[in-house]
Amino acid sequence: MKYGGYTYILTNKNNTVLYTGVTSNLQKRLAEHREGIHITAFTHKYNCHKLVYFEGFNRIEDAIAREKQIKGGSRAKKEGLINSINPNWNDLTDLVDE
């Protein structure tokens, strides 16, 4: 199913750093994170390439609002969100269908 936007959370291999982002094309954005095309980016600096959470929205505005809500929460709330759908913190990249 195509969406207007996605909110997502990335982490590093040790699950010690969390990055919350928003995009209209999740597959493309994940590739950009992995390729490290933005060398000064937080995700490049902290090697955040593992997708542990994502939500799709019909409107990009809703995805942006959700990103702000998640970013405003504590790490414990973010961990709870991840654990609610991905308790083993597996890489969910293969589940992204665009």
N, C-alpha and C. Protein backbone atom coordinates (compact mmCIF):
# COMPACT_ATOMS: atom_id res chain seq x y z
N MET A 1 0.84 -1.18 0.00
CA MET A 1 0.00 0.00 0.00
C MET A 1 0.88 1.24 0.00
N LYS A 2 0.58 2.19 -0.83
CA LYS A 2 1.33 3.44 -0.87
C LYS A 2 0.77 4.42 0.14
N TYR A 3 1.66 5.14 0.76
CA TYR A 3 1.27 6.13 1.74
C TYR A 3 1.77 7.50 1.33
N GLY A 4 1.23 8.54 1.95
CA GLY A 4 1.68 9.89 1.71
C GLY A 4 2.93 10.20 2.51
N GLY A 5 3.16 9.45 3.59
CA GLY A 5 4.34 9.69 4.40
C GLY A 5 4.55 8.60 5.43
N TYR A 6 5.76 8.54 5.92
CA TYR A 6 6.14 7.56 6.94
C TYR A 6 6.88 8.26 8.07
N THR A 7 6.65 7.77 9.27
CA THR A 7 7.46 8.11 10.42
C THR A 7 8.22 6.84 10.77
N TYR A 8 9.50 6.98 11.09
CA TYR A 8 10.31 5.79 11.33
C TYR A 8 11.34 6.03 12.42
N ILE A 9 11.81 4.93 13.00
CA ILE A 9 12.87 4.99 14.00
C ILE A 9 13.99 4.06 13.56
N LEU A 10 15.21 4.60 13.55
CA LEU A 10 16.41 3.83 13.25
C LEU A 10 17.26 3.71 14.51
N THR A 11 18.08 2.67 14.56
CA THR A 11 19.04 2.52 15.64
C THR A 11 20.34 1.97 15.06
N ASN A 12 21.35 1.86 15.91
CA ASN A 12 22.61 1.28 15.48
C ASN A 12 22.63 -0.21 15.83
N LYS A 13 23.73 -0.89 15.53
CA LYS A 13 23.76 -2.35 15.73
C LYS A 13 23.62 -2.76 17.19
N ASN A 14 23.99 -1.88 18.12
CA ASN A 14 23.88 -2.20 19.54
C ASN A 14 22.61 -1.65 20.19
N ASN A 15 21.76 -1.03 19.39
CA ASN A 15 20.49 -0.46 19.88
C ASN A 15 20.70 0.61 20.95
N THR A 16 21.80 1.34 20.87
CA THR A 16 22.10 2.34 21.90
C THR A 16 21.70 3.75 21.49
N VAL A 17 21.49 3.99 20.20
CA VAL A 17 21.14 5.32 19.70
C VAL A 17 19.82 5.20 18.93
N LEU A 18 18.93 6.16 19.13
CA LEU A 18 17.67 6.18 18.40
C LEU A 18 17.58 7.45 17.57
N TYR A 19 17.09 7.29 16.34
CA TYR A 19 16.86 8.43 15.45
C TYR A 19 15.44 8.32 14.93
N THR A 20 14.68 9.38 15.05
CA THR A 20 13.31 9.42 14.54
C THR A 20 13.28 10.34 13.32
N GLY A 21 12.66 9.85 12.24
CA GLY A 21 12.59 10.64 11.02
C GLY A 21 11.25 10.54 10.34
N VAL A 22 11.10 11.32 9.28
CA VAL A 22 9.87 11.32 8.48
C VAL A 22 10.26 11.43 7.02
N THR A 23 9.51 10.78 6.15
CA THR A 23 9.80 10.81 4.72
C THR A 23 8.55 10.44 3.93
N SER A 24 8.56 10.82 2.66
CA SER A 24 7.47 10.41 1.78
C SER A 24 7.82 9.13 1.02
N ASN A 25 9.10 8.73 1.05
CA ASN A 25 9.54 7.52 0.35
C ASN A 25 10.51 6.77 1.26
N LEU A 26 9.99 5.81 2.00
CA LEU A 26 10.78 5.15 3.04
C LEU A 26 11.92 4.31 2.45
N GLN A 27 11.67 3.57 1.39
CA GLN A 27 12.74 2.76 0.79
C GLN A 27 13.91 3.64 0.35
N LYS A 28 13.61 4.72 -0.33
CA LYS A 28 14.65 5.63 -0.80
C LYS A 28 15.41 6.25 0.36
N ARG A 29 14.69 6.67 1.38
CA ARG A 29 15.33 7.30 2.53
C ARG A 29 16.22 6.33 3.27
N LEU A 30 15.78 5.08 3.43
CA LEU A 30 16.61 4.08 4.10
C LEU A 30 17.90 3.83 3.31
N ALA A 31 17.79 3.79 1.99
CA ALA A 31 18.98 3.63 1.15
C ALA A 31 19.94 4.79 1.34
N GLU A 32 19.40 6.00 1.44
CA GLU A 32 20.25 7.17 1.67
C GLU A 32 20.97 7.07 3.00
N HIS A 33 20.28 6.61 4.04
CA HIS A 33 20.92 6.44 5.34
C HIS A 33 22.04 5.40 5.25
N ARG A 34 21.76 4.29 4.61
CA ARG A 34 22.76 3.22 4.51
C ARG A 34 23.97 3.62 3.66
N GLU A 35 23.73 4.37 2.60
CA GLU A 35 24.82 4.79 1.72
C GLU A 35 25.64 5.93 2.32
N GLY A 36 25.09 6.57 3.34
CA GLY A 36 25.81 7.64 4.02
C GLY A 36 26.05 8.86 3.14
N ILE A 37 25.06 9.20 2.31
CA ILE A 37 25.26 10.32 1.37
C ILE A 37 25.32 11.67 2.07
N HIS A 38 24.78 11.74 3.27
CA HIS A 38 24.84 12.99 4.05
C HIS A 38 25.87 12.76 5.17
N ILE A 39 27.13 13.05 4.88
CA ILE A 39 28.22 12.66 5.79
C ILE A 39 28.21 13.41 7.12
N THR A 40 27.50 14.52 7.20
CA THR A 40 27.42 15.25 8.46
C THR A 40 26.15 14.91 9.24
N ALA A 41 25.36 14.00 8.72
CA ALA A 41 24.08 13.66 9.35
C ALA A 41 24.28 12.85 10.63
N PHE A 42 23.34 12.99 11.54
CA PHE A 42 23.33 12.25 12.81
C PHE A 42 23.41 10.75 12.54
N THR A 43 22.61 10.27 11.59
CA THR A 43 22.57 8.82 11.33
C THR A 43 23.89 8.30 10.80
N HIS A 44 24.60 9.11 10.05
CA HIS A 44 25.93 8.71 9.55
C HIS A 44 26.93 8.68 10.71
N LYS A 45 26.91 9.72 11.52
CA LYS A 45 27.85 9.82 12.64
C LYS A 45 27.69 8.67 13.63
N TYR A 46 26.46 8.27 13.90
CA TYR A 46 26.18 7.24 14.89
C TYR A 46 25.80 5.88 14.30
N ASN A 47 26.00 5.71 12.99
CA ASN A 47 25.75 4.44 12.30
C ASN A 47 24.34 3.89 12.54
N CYS A 48 23.35 4.74 12.43
CA CYS A 48 21.96 4.33 12.59
C CYS A 48 21.42 3.88 11.24
N HIS A 49 21.39 2.59 11.03
CA HIS A 49 20.93 2.03 9.76
C HIS A 49 19.86 0.96 9.93
N LYS A 50 19.58 0.57 11.15
CA LYS A 50 18.63 -0.52 11.40
C LYS A 50 17.24 0.06 11.66
N LEU A 51 16.30 -0.28 10.79
CA LEU A 51 14.92 0.17 10.93
C LEU A 51 14.22 -0.72 11.96
N VAL A 52 13.80 -0.13 13.07
CA VAL A 52 13.14 -0.91 14.12
C VAL A 52 11.67 -0.55 14.31
N TYR A 53 11.23 0.53 13.66
CA TYR A 53 9.83 0.95 13.79
C TYR A 53 9.47 1.83 12.62
N PHE A 54 8.26 1.66 12.09
CA PHE A 54 7.74 2.61 11.11
C PHE A 54 6.23 2.57 11.08
N GLU A 55 5.66 3.71 10.70
CA GLU A 55 4.21 3.86 10.55
C GLU A 55 3.96 4.55 9.22
N GLY A 56 2.92 4.13 8.51
CA GLY A 56 2.53 4.79 7.27
C GLY A 56 1.30 5.66 7.48
N PHE A 57 1.25 6.79 6.79
CA PHE A 57 0.14 7.73 6.89
C PHE A 57 -0.33 8.12 5.50
N ASN A 58 -1.60 8.39 5.36
CA ASN A 58 -2.15 8.80 4.07
C ASN A 58 -1.69 10.20 3.68
N ARG A 59 -1.41 11.03 4.67
CA ARG A 59 -0.97 12.40 4.40
C ARG A 59 0.38 12.65 5.06
N ILE A 60 1.28 13.31 4.34
CA ILE A 60 2.60 13.61 4.89
C ILE A 60 2.49 14.50 6.13
N GLU A 61 1.49 15.35 6.17
CA GLU A 61 1.29 16.22 7.34
C GLU A 61 1.05 15.40 8.61
N ASP A 62 0.33 14.30 8.48
CA ASP A 62 0.08 13.43 9.62
C ASP A 62 1.36 12.73 10.07
N ALA A 63 2.19 12.35 9.10
CA ALA A 63 3.47 11.72 9.42
C ALA A 63 4.38 12.71 10.15
N ILE A 64 4.39 13.96 9.70
CA ILE A 64 5.21 15.00 10.34
C ILE A 64 4.73 15.24 11.78
N ALA A 65 3.42 15.29 11.96
CA ALA A 65 2.87 15.50 13.31
C ALA A 65 3.25 14.34 14.23
N ARG A 66 3.20 13.13 13.71
CA ARG A 66 3.57 11.95 14.51
C ARG A 66 5.06 11.96 14.85
N GLU A 67 5.89 12.36 13.89
CA GLU A 67 7.33 12.46 14.15
C GLU A 67 7.59 13.41 15.31
N LYS A 68 6.94 14.56 15.30
CA LYS A 68 7.12 15.54 16.37
C LYS A 68 6.67 14.98 17.71
N GLN A 69 5.56 14.23 17.69
CA GLN A 69 5.06 13.62 18.91
C GLN A 69 6.07 12.61 19.47
N ILE A 70 6.61 11.76 18.59
CA ILE A 70 7.58 10.76 19.03
C ILE A 70 8.86 11.43 19.52
N LYS A 71 9.36 12.41 18.78
CA LYS A 71 10.59 13.10 19.17
C LYS A 71 10.43 13.80 20.51
N GLY A 72 9.22 14.25 20.83
CA GLY A 72 8.97 14.94 22.09
C GLY A 72 8.90 14.01 23.28
N GLY A 73 8.83 12.72 23.03
CA GLY A 73 8.73 11.75 24.12
C GLY A 73 10.10 11.32 24.63
N SER A 74 10.08 10.64 25.74
CA SER A 74 11.32 10.15 26.35
C SER A 74 11.84 8.92 25.60
N ARG A 75 13.06 8.56 25.88
CA ARG A 75 13.61 7.34 25.29
C ARG A 75 12.76 6.13 25.72
N ALA A 76 12.32 6.10 26.96
CA ALA A 76 11.50 4.99 27.44
C ALA A 76 10.22 4.85 26.61
N LYS A 77 9.60 5.98 26.26
CA LYS A 77 8.39 5.93 25.43
C LYS A 77 8.71 5.41 24.04
N LYS A 78 9.86 5.82 23.48
CA LYS A 78 10.26 5.33 22.16
C LYS A 78 10.54 3.83 22.22
N GLU A 79 11.20 3.38 23.26
CA GLU A 79 11.46 1.95 23.43
C GLU A 79 10.16 1.17 23.55
N GLY A 80 9.20 1.72 24.28
CA GLY A 80 7.90 1.07 24.42
C GLY A 80 7.18 0.96 23.08
N LEU A 81 7.28 2.00 22.29
CA LEU A 81 6.68 2.00 20.95
C LEU A 81 7.31 0.92 20.09
N ILE A 82 8.63 0.84 20.10
CA ILE A 82 9.34 -0.18 19.33
C ILE A 82 8.96 -1.57 19.84
N ASN A 83 9.00 -1.76 21.15
CA ASN A 83 8.69 -3.07 21.73
C ASN A 83 7.27 -3.53 21.44
N SER A 84 6.36 -2.57 21.23
CA SER A 84 4.95 -2.94 20.98
C SER A 84 4.78 -3.67 19.65
N ILE A 85 5.65 -3.41 18.68
CA ILE A 85 5.52 -4.10 17.39
C ILE A 85 6.75 -4.92 17.02
N ASN A 86 7.87 -4.69 17.73
CA ASN A 86 9.12 -5.33 17.36
C ASN A 86 9.94 -5.61 18.62
N PRO A 87 9.48 -6.54 19.46
CA PRO A 87 10.13 -6.76 20.76
C PRO A 87 11.58 -7.23 20.68
N ASN A 88 11.97 -7.83 19.57
CA ASN A 88 13.36 -8.29 19.41
C ASN A 88 14.24 -7.27 18.71
N TRP A 89 13.67 -6.14 18.36
CA TRP A 89 14.40 -5.06 17.68
C TRP A 89 15.06 -5.56 16.40
N ASN A 90 14.33 -6.36 15.64
CA ASN A 90 14.83 -6.84 14.36
C ASN A 90 14.81 -5.71 13.34
N ASP A 91 15.65 -5.83 12.31
CA ASP A 91 15.65 -4.86 11.21
C ASP A 91 14.41 -5.13 10.35
N LEU A 92 13.56 -4.13 10.22
CA LEU A 92 12.29 -4.28 9.50
C LEU A 92 12.36 -3.83 8.05
N THR A 93 13.56 -3.55 7.55
CA THR A 93 13.71 -3.03 6.20
C THR A 93 13.01 -3.88 5.15
N ASP A 94 13.08 -5.20 5.30
CA ASP A 94 12.46 -6.10 4.31
C ASP A 94 10.94 -6.01 4.29
N LEU A 95 10.34 -5.42 5.31
CA LEU A 95 8.88 -5.27 5.37
C LEU A 95 8.38 -4.01 4.68
N VAL A 96 9.30 -3.15 4.30
CA VAL A 96 8.92 -1.89 3.64
C VAL A 96 8.56 -2.20 2.20
N ASP A 97 7.33 -1.79 1.82
CA ASP A 97 6.84 -2.07 0.47
C ASP A 97 6.36 -0.77 -0.15
N GLU A 98 7.15 -0.23 -1.10
CA GLU A 98 6.74 1.00 -1.76
C GLU A 98 6.80 0.81 -3.25
